[in-house]
Amino acid sequence: MKMPHPVPYQGSKRKLAPIIGRYLPQGISTFYEPFAGSAAMTIYAAYHRRASRFVIGDSFEPIVMLLRAIVNEPEKTANQYRILWEGQCDGNDKYFN
């Protein structure tokens, strides 16, 4: 099964995560990802149960807000995303401006 990634982008550690993950010990109490971006390493560590607690940080406020929404209100966030995604397919230019 593939791990879901909310924000796949160039420069993400998503493809490197399995390689980097080999060096992560088992049983980490808290996994810190100070420059989270798309939180690829946190997602990897959580998926493989490498830690029991996760702390992510980033200075780019929109990504921080998105990640918080995904964690705290996953259903609401997914529904809002679906509305935006489907709306852009209607030829509505407001989604591109």
N, C-alpha and C. Protein backbone atom coordinates (compact mmCIF):
# COMPACT_ATOMS: atom_id res chain seq x y z
N MET A 1 0.84 -1.18 0.00
CA MET A 1 0.00 0.00 0.00
C MET A 1 0.88 1.25 0.00
N LYS A 2 0.53 2.20 -0.83
CA LYS A 2 1.27 3.46 -0.87
C LYS A 2 0.84 4.36 0.28
N MET A 3 1.81 5.10 0.80
CA MET A 3 1.49 6.06 1.85
C MET A 3 0.90 7.31 1.22
N PRO A 4 -0.19 7.81 1.75
CA PRO A 4 -0.77 9.04 1.19
C PRO A 4 0.08 10.25 1.56
N HIS A 5 0.17 11.19 0.65
CA HIS A 5 0.88 12.44 0.90
C HIS A 5 -0.02 13.59 0.47
N PRO A 6 -0.32 14.49 1.40
CA PRO A 6 -1.25 15.57 1.07
C PRO A 6 -0.70 16.58 0.09
N VAL A 7 0.63 16.75 0.06
CA VAL A 7 1.22 17.79 -0.79
C VAL A 7 2.46 17.22 -1.49
N PRO A 8 2.27 16.40 -2.53
CA PRO A 8 3.43 15.92 -3.26
C PRO A 8 4.00 17.04 -4.14
N TYR A 9 5.26 17.34 -3.97
CA TYR A 9 5.87 18.41 -4.75
C TYR A 9 7.34 18.09 -4.99
N GLN A 10 7.93 18.74 -5.99
CA GLN A 10 9.36 18.56 -6.25
C GLN A 10 10.13 19.09 -5.05
N GLY A 11 11.12 18.35 -4.63
CA GLY A 11 11.92 18.75 -3.48
C GLY A 11 11.48 18.06 -2.21
N SER A 12 10.37 17.38 -2.27
CA SER A 12 9.89 16.64 -1.09
C SER A 12 10.82 15.46 -0.82
N LYS A 13 10.91 15.07 0.44
CA LYS A 13 11.70 13.90 0.82
C LYS A 13 10.90 12.60 0.67
N ARG A 14 9.74 12.68 0.05
CA ARG A 14 8.85 11.52 -0.08
C ARG A 14 9.56 10.31 -0.66
N LYS A 15 10.28 10.49 -1.77
CA LYS A 15 10.95 9.35 -2.40
C LYS A 15 12.20 8.92 -1.65
N LEU A 16 12.80 9.84 -0.89
CA LEU A 16 13.99 9.51 -0.11
C LEU A 16 13.65 8.93 1.26
N ALA A 17 12.41 9.08 1.69
CA ALA A 17 12.02 8.65 3.03
C ALA A 17 12.38 7.20 3.34
N PRO A 18 12.16 6.24 2.43
CA PRO A 18 12.54 4.87 2.76
C PRO A 18 14.04 4.70 2.98
N ILE A 19 14.83 5.46 2.27
CA ILE A 19 16.29 5.37 2.43
C ILE A 19 16.70 6.01 3.75
N ILE A 20 16.21 7.22 4.00
CA ILE A 20 16.50 7.91 5.27
C ILE A 20 15.94 7.10 6.44
N GLY A 21 14.76 6.53 6.24
CA GLY A 21 14.09 5.77 7.29
C GLY A 21 14.87 4.58 7.80
N ARG A 22 15.75 4.03 6.97
CA ARG A 22 16.58 2.90 7.41
C ARG A 22 17.46 3.27 8.60
N TYR A 23 17.76 4.55 8.73
CA TYR A 23 18.64 5.01 9.79
C TYR A 23 17.88 5.47 11.03
N LEU A 24 16.56 5.41 10.99
CA LEU A 24 15.76 5.78 12.16
C LEU A 24 15.65 4.58 13.09
N PRO A 25 15.95 4.79 14.36
CA PRO A 25 15.78 3.67 15.29
C PRO A 25 14.31 3.38 15.55
N GLN A 26 14.02 2.18 16.00
CA GLN A 26 12.67 1.82 16.42
C GLN A 26 12.43 2.42 17.80
N GLY A 27 11.17 2.65 18.13
CA GLY A 27 10.82 3.06 19.48
C GLY A 27 11.20 4.48 19.86
N ILE A 28 11.20 5.40 18.90
CA ILE A 28 11.46 6.80 19.21
C ILE A 28 10.26 7.32 20.00
N SER A 29 10.51 8.01 21.10
CA SER A 29 9.37 8.53 21.86
C SER A 29 8.74 9.72 21.13
N THR A 30 9.57 10.66 20.67
CA THR A 30 9.06 11.82 19.94
C THR A 30 9.92 12.04 18.70
N PHE A 31 9.27 12.09 17.55
CA PHE A 31 9.96 12.35 16.28
C PHE A 31 9.76 13.82 15.93
N TYR A 32 10.86 14.54 15.75
CA TYR A 32 10.81 15.97 15.42
C TYR A 32 11.19 16.16 13.96
N GLU A 33 10.37 16.92 13.24
CA GLU A 33 10.69 17.30 11.86
C GLU A 33 10.61 18.82 11.79
N PRO A 34 11.75 19.52 12.01
CA PRO A 34 11.71 20.98 12.14
C PRO A 34 11.43 21.74 10.84
N PHE A 35 11.76 21.16 9.71
CA PHE A 35 11.51 21.81 8.42
C PHE A 35 10.58 20.89 7.64
N ALA A 36 9.34 20.85 8.05
CA ALA A 36 8.42 19.80 7.60
C ALA A 36 8.10 19.83 6.12
N GLY A 37 7.84 21.00 5.56
CA GLY A 37 7.37 21.02 4.17
C GLY A 37 6.12 20.17 4.07
N SER A 38 6.18 19.10 3.32
CA SER A 38 5.02 18.21 3.19
C SER A 38 4.98 17.14 4.28
N ALA A 39 5.90 17.22 5.23
CA ALA A 39 5.97 16.27 6.36
C ALA A 39 6.23 14.84 5.89
N ALA A 40 7.00 14.68 4.84
CA ALA A 40 7.25 13.35 4.27
C ALA A 40 7.89 12.40 5.26
N MET A 41 8.85 12.89 6.05
CA MET A 41 9.50 12.01 7.01
C MET A 41 8.58 11.66 8.17
N THR A 42 7.76 12.62 8.59
CA THR A 42 6.80 12.34 9.66
C THR A 42 5.79 11.30 9.20
N ILE A 43 5.30 11.45 7.98
CA ILE A 43 4.34 10.48 7.43
C ILE A 43 4.99 9.10 7.35
N TYR A 44 6.24 9.05 6.90
CA TYR A 44 6.96 7.77 6.83
C TYR A 44 7.10 7.16 8.23
N ALA A 45 7.56 7.97 9.18
CA ALA A 45 7.78 7.47 10.54
C ALA A 45 6.47 7.02 11.19
N ALA A 46 5.40 7.75 10.95
CA ALA A 46 4.10 7.36 11.51
C ALA A 46 3.59 6.07 10.87
N TYR A 47 3.71 5.99 9.56
CA TYR A 47 3.23 4.81 8.83
C TYR A 47 3.94 3.54 9.30
N HIS A 48 5.25 3.69 9.57
CA HIS A 48 6.06 2.54 10.00
C HIS A 48 6.18 2.43 11.52
N ARG A 49 5.38 3.20 12.22
CA ARG A 49 5.31 3.15 13.68
C ARG A 49 6.68 3.29 14.34
N ARG A 50 7.46 4.26 13.88
CA ARG A 50 8.78 4.48 14.44
C ARG A 50 8.75 5.32 15.71
N ALA A 51 7.66 6.05 15.92
CA ALA A 51 7.56 6.92 17.10
C ALA A 51 6.14 6.90 17.63
N SER A 52 5.99 7.31 18.87
CA SER A 52 4.65 7.37 19.46
C SER A 52 4.09 8.79 19.46
N ARG A 53 4.95 9.77 19.21
CA ARG A 53 4.51 11.17 19.19
C ARG A 53 5.29 11.89 18.09
N PHE A 54 4.64 12.87 17.47
CA PHE A 54 5.27 13.57 16.35
C PHE A 54 5.13 15.07 16.53
N VAL A 55 6.22 15.79 16.26
CA VAL A 55 6.22 17.25 16.32
C VAL A 55 6.77 17.74 14.99
N ILE A 56 5.95 18.50 14.27
CA ILE A 56 6.42 19.04 13.00
C ILE A 56 6.41 20.56 13.08
N GLY A 57 7.33 21.15 12.36
CA GLY A 57 7.41 22.61 12.33
C GLY A 57 7.77 23.08 10.94
N ASP A 58 7.40 24.28 10.64
CA ASP A 58 7.76 24.91 9.38
C ASP A 58 7.49 26.40 9.53
N SER A 59 8.23 27.22 8.84
CA SER A 59 8.02 28.67 8.94
C SER A 59 6.98 29.18 7.93
N PHE A 60 6.57 28.33 6.99
CA PHE A 60 5.60 28.73 5.98
C PHE A 60 4.20 28.49 6.53
N GLU A 61 3.56 29.55 6.99
CA GLU A 61 2.29 29.43 7.72
C GLU A 61 1.19 28.67 6.96
N PRO A 62 1.01 28.87 5.65
CA PRO A 62 -0.05 28.11 4.97
C PRO A 62 0.12 26.60 5.07
N ILE A 63 1.35 26.10 4.99
CA ILE A 63 1.54 24.65 5.09
C ILE A 63 1.30 24.19 6.52
N VAL A 64 1.68 25.00 7.50
CA VAL A 64 1.42 24.67 8.91
C VAL A 64 -0.08 24.58 9.14
N MET A 65 -0.81 25.56 8.63
CA MET A 65 -2.27 25.57 8.79
C MET A 65 -2.91 24.36 8.11
N LEU A 66 -2.42 24.01 6.91
CA LEU A 66 -2.96 22.85 6.20
C LEU A 66 -2.70 21.56 6.98
N LEU A 67 -1.47 21.38 7.46
CA LEU A 67 -1.15 20.17 8.20
C LEU A 67 -1.96 20.08 9.49
N ARG A 68 -2.15 21.20 10.17
CA ARG A 68 -2.99 21.20 11.39
C ARG A 68 -4.42 20.79 11.05
N ALA A 69 -4.94 21.33 9.96
CA ALA A 69 -6.31 21.01 9.55
C ALA A 69 -6.44 19.52 9.22
N ILE A 70 -5.44 18.97 8.54
CA ILE A 70 -5.47 17.55 8.18
C ILE A 70 -5.48 16.68 9.44
N VAL A 71 -4.68 17.05 10.43
CA VAL A 71 -4.61 16.27 11.67
C VAL A 71 -5.85 16.47 12.54
N ASN A 72 -6.27 17.72 12.69
CA ASN A 72 -7.34 18.04 13.64
C ASN A 72 -8.75 17.89 13.08
N GLU A 73 -8.91 18.10 11.77
CA GLU A 73 -10.24 18.03 11.15
C GLU A 73 -10.15 17.34 9.79
N PRO A 74 -9.76 16.07 9.78
CA PRO A 74 -9.51 15.41 8.49
C PRO A 74 -10.72 15.35 7.56
N GLU A 75 -11.89 15.06 8.09
CA GLU A 75 -13.08 14.95 7.24
C GLU A 75 -13.45 16.30 6.63
N LYS A 76 -13.44 17.32 7.45
CA LYS A 76 -13.77 18.67 6.98
C LYS A 76 -12.76 19.13 5.93
N THR A 77 -11.48 18.88 6.19
CA THR A 77 -10.42 19.29 5.26
C THR A 77 -10.56 18.55 3.94
N ALA A 78 -10.82 17.25 4.00
CA ALA A 78 -11.00 16.46 2.78
C ALA A 78 -12.20 16.95 1.98
N ASN A 79 -13.27 17.29 2.66
CA ASN A 79 -14.47 17.79 1.98
C ASN A 79 -14.19 19.13 1.30
N GLN A 80 -13.49 20.03 2.00
CA GLN A 80 -13.15 21.33 1.41
C GLN A 80 -12.25 21.15 0.20
N TYR A 81 -11.31 20.23 0.29
CA TYR A 81 -10.42 19.96 -0.83
C TYR A 81 -11.21 19.41 -2.02
N ARG A 82 -12.14 18.49 -1.74
CA ARG A 82 -12.95 17.90 -2.80
C ARG A 82 -13.74 18.98 -3.53
N ILE A 83 -14.32 19.92 -2.78
CA ILE A 83 -15.09 21.01 -3.38
C ILE A 83 -14.20 21.86 -4.29
N LEU A 84 -13.00 22.19 -3.81
CA LEU A 84 -12.07 22.97 -4.64
C LEU A 84 -11.65 22.19 -5.88
N TRP A 85 -11.32 20.92 -5.70
CA TRP A 85 -10.86 20.09 -6.81
C TRP A 85 -11.94 19.96 -7.88
N GLU A 86 -13.15 19.64 -7.45
CA GLU A 86 -14.23 19.48 -8.41
C GLU A 86 -14.62 20.81 -9.05
N GLY A 87 -14.51 21.90 -8.31
CA GLY A 87 -14.84 23.22 -8.84
C GLY A 87 -13.93 23.66 -9.96
N GLN A 88 -12.66 23.31 -9.88
CA GLN A 88 -11.72 23.71 -10.92
C GLN A 88 -11.99 22.99 -12.23
N CYS A 89 -12.66 21.85 -12.17
CA CYS A 89 -12.97 21.08 -13.38
C CYS A 89 -14.18 21.64 -14.13
N ASP A 90 -14.86 22.60 -13.54
CA ASP A 90 -16.04 23.20 -14.18
C ASP A 90 -15.67 24.34 -15.13
N GLY A 91 -14.37 24.55 -15.36
CA GLY A 91 -13.94 25.63 -16.23
C GLY A 91 -14.05 26.99 -15.58
N ASN A 92 -14.13 27.02 -14.28
CA ASN A 92 -14.26 28.27 -13.54
C ASN A 92 -12.87 28.87 -13.32
N ASP A 93 -12.60 29.98 -13.97
CA ASP A 93 -11.27 30.60 -13.92
C ASP A 93 -10.86 31.10 -12.54
N LYS A 94 -11.80 31.28 -11.61
CA LYS A 94 -11.44 31.82 -10.30
C LYS A 94 -10.48 30.90 -9.55
N TYR A 95 -10.43 29.63 -9.90
CA TYR A 95 -9.54 28.70 -9.23
C TYR A 95 -8.09 28.85 -9.69
N PHE A 96 -7.88 29.60 -10.75
CA PHE A 96 -6.53 29.76 -11.29
C PHE A 96 -6.01 31.18 -11.13
N ASN A 97 -6.79 32.06 -10.52
CA ASN A 97 -6.38 33.45 -10.34
C ASN A 97 -6.11 33.75 -8.90
